Amino acid sequence: MSRRNNILSECELSFICINCGITVAVSAEGTAHRNHCPYCLWSRHVDLKTGDRLSICRGRMEPVSICETKGEWSLIHRCEKCGSLRINRIAGDDNKEEMMKILARLETSVPFACEGIDNNNGEACV
């Protein structure tokens, strides 16, 4: 295997968080397409549909809310660059303290209307 192939393989196994700079493993319990940091919960706008990595935006995505669909908890991220809202499943190693901070923030102010946000499976997140 060439050095270039090794570099590509390493890149596919991890990424550097756009917010806190920590190296993050792509594989995690509870998700097949991790694109958010388990420490600060920020993401990068990389997908048009879950896992496709086809978005050209590449903006920073702030975790702004948490919702539940089909008995699973998900983070709602808002892109700072284009304003897009995306839903990402919570992974088993995601920072529970950071999730609690998001929930506490929601008690005092709702950052946007949640009804009708597409969860990438054609269903609304409510």
Protein backbone atom coordinates (compact mmCIF):
# COMPACT_ATOMS: atom_id res chain seq x y z
CA MET A 1 0.00 0.00 0.00
CA SER A 2 1.36 3.42 -0.93
CA ARG A 3 1.87 6.26 1.53
CA ARG A 4 -1.00 8.17 -0.12
CA ASN A 5 -3.38 5.25 0.50
CA ASN A 6 -2.28 5.16 4.15
CA ILE A 7 -3.02 8.88 4.51
CA LEU A 8 -6.46 8.50 2.96
CA SER A 9 -7.23 5.56 5.24
CA GLU A 10 -6.18 7.52 8.32
CA CYS A 11 -8.37 10.47 7.26
CA GLU A 12 -11.37 8.18 6.88
CA LEU A 13 -10.87 6.87 10.44
CA SER A 14 -10.81 10.25 12.20
CA PHE A 15 -11.27 14.00 11.81
CA ILE A 16 -10.24 17.11 13.70
CA CYS A 17 -13.11 18.98 15.35
CA ILE A 18 -13.75 22.34 13.66
CA ASN A 19 -14.66 23.87 17.05
CA CYS A 20 -12.38 22.45 19.77
CA GLY A 21 -9.55 20.93 17.67
CA ILE A 22 -9.69 17.44 19.21
CA THR A 23 -9.04 14.42 16.97
CA VAL A 24 -12.27 12.41 16.78
CA ALA A 25 -12.65 8.75 15.76
CA VAL A 26 -15.29 8.30 13.05
CA SER A 27 -16.57 5.03 14.50
CA ALA A 28 -18.73 5.19 17.63
CA GLU A 29 -21.46 3.23 19.33
CA GLY A 30 -24.86 4.31 18.05
CA THR A 31 -23.86 5.91 14.76
CA ALA A 32 -22.55 4.81 11.37
CA HIS A 33 -21.79 8.30 9.99
CA ARG A 34 -20.30 10.40 12.79
CA ASN A 35 -19.71 13.98 11.79
CA HIS A 36 -19.92 15.72 15.16
CA CYS A 37 -17.45 15.95 18.01
CA PRO A 38 -18.32 13.83 21.07
CA TYR A 39 -16.69 16.41 23.37
CA CYS A 40 -18.15 19.80 22.32
CA LEU A 41 -20.91 18.35 20.04
CA TRP A 42 -20.15 20.77 17.18
CA SER A 43 -20.29 19.48 13.62
CA ARG A 44 -19.35 20.48 10.09
CA HIS A 45 -21.87 20.76 7.26
CA VAL A 46 -20.65 17.83 5.16
CA ASP A 47 -23.82 15.92 4.18
CA LEU A 48 -26.76 16.63 1.92
CA LYS A 49 -28.25 13.29 3.01
CA THR A 50 -26.93 11.31 5.96
CA GLY A 51 -23.49 9.88 5.20
CA ASP A 52 -23.15 11.12 1.61
CA ARG A 53 -20.48 13.81 2.37
CA LEU A 54 -21.69 15.77 -0.70
CA SER A 55 -22.34 19.21 0.81
CA ILE A 56 -20.06 21.91 -0.58
CA CYS A 57 -20.90 24.29 2.30
CA ARG A 58 -18.48 22.86 4.92
CA GLY A 59 -19.66 25.48 7.46
CA ARG A 60 -19.42 25.09 11.24
CA MET A 61 -22.58 23.62 12.75
CA GLU A 62 -23.58 24.60 16.27
CA PRO A 63 -25.57 22.11 18.37
CA VAL A 64 -28.73 24.14 19.08
CA SER A 65 -31.25 21.57 20.28
CA ILE A 66 -32.02 17.95 21.05
CA CYS A 67 -35.02 16.01 19.80
CA GLU A 68 -36.41 12.47 19.92
CA THR A 69 -37.59 10.43 16.93
CA LYS A 70 -38.56 6.76 17.00
CA GLY A 71 -37.25 6.42 20.55
CA GLU A 72 -33.77 7.75 19.66
CA TRP A 73 -32.25 11.04 20.76
CA SER A 74 -30.66 13.32 18.18
CA LEU A 75 -28.80 16.62 18.10
CA ILE A 76 -30.08 19.44 15.91
CA HIS A 77 -27.24 21.42 14.37
CA ARG A 78 -27.54 24.81 12.66
CA CYS A 79 -24.93 25.79 10.07
CA GLU A 80 -23.31 29.17 10.80
CA LYS A 81 -22.55 29.65 7.10
CA CYS A 82 -25.80 28.77 5.29
CA GLY A 83 -28.34 28.44 8.13
CA SER A 84 -29.23 24.84 7.28
CA LEU A 85 -30.62 22.66 10.08
CA ARG A 86 -29.52 19.01 10.28
CA ILE A 87 -30.35 16.17 12.65
CA ASN A 88 -27.57 13.85 13.85
CA ARG A 89 -28.05 10.80 16.05
CA ILE A 90 -26.45 10.99 19.47
CA ALA A 91 -23.57 8.52 19.81
CA GLY A 92 -22.86 6.48 22.94
CA ASP A 93 -19.77 8.49 23.82
CA ASP A 94 -21.26 11.98 23.33
CA ASN A 95 -20.65 14.40 26.20
CA LYS A 96 -23.70 14.20 28.50
CA GLU A 97 -22.73 17.46 30.25
CA GLU A 98 -22.78 19.36 26.96
CA MET A 99 -26.18 17.84 26.13
CA MET A 100 -27.52 19.00 29.50
CA LYS A 101 -26.22 22.53 28.76
CA ILE A 102 -28.19 22.51 25.50
CA LEU A 103 -31.34 21.39 27.31
CA ALA A 104 -30.85 24.04 30.01
CA ARG A 105 -30.50 26.74 27.33
CA LEU A 106 -33.75 25.55 25.76
CA GLU A 107 -35.63 26.12 29.01
CA THR A 108 -34.98 29.84 28.79
CA SER A 109 -35.23 30.41 25.03
CA VAL A 110 -36.12 28.45 21.92
CA PRO A 111 -33.59 29.26 19.16
CA PHE A 112 -35.96 28.32 16.30
CA ALA A 113 -39.23 26.56 15.52
CA CYS A 114 -38.60 22.80 15.66
CA GLU A 115 -41.75 21.55 13.93
CA GLY A 116 -41.23 20.09 10.49
CA ILE A 117 -37.44 19.72 10.51
CA ASP A 118 -36.61 16.83 8.19
CA ASN A 119 -34.59 14.10 9.95
CA ASN A 120 -33.20 12.84 6.63
CA ASN A 121 -35.65 9.91 6.62
CA GLY A 122 -38.61 11.90 5.35
CA GLU A 123 -40.13 12.25 8.82
CA ALA A 124 -40.52 15.38 10.92
CA CYS A 125 -38.69 15.66 14.22
CA VAL A 126 -41.16 16.55 16.96
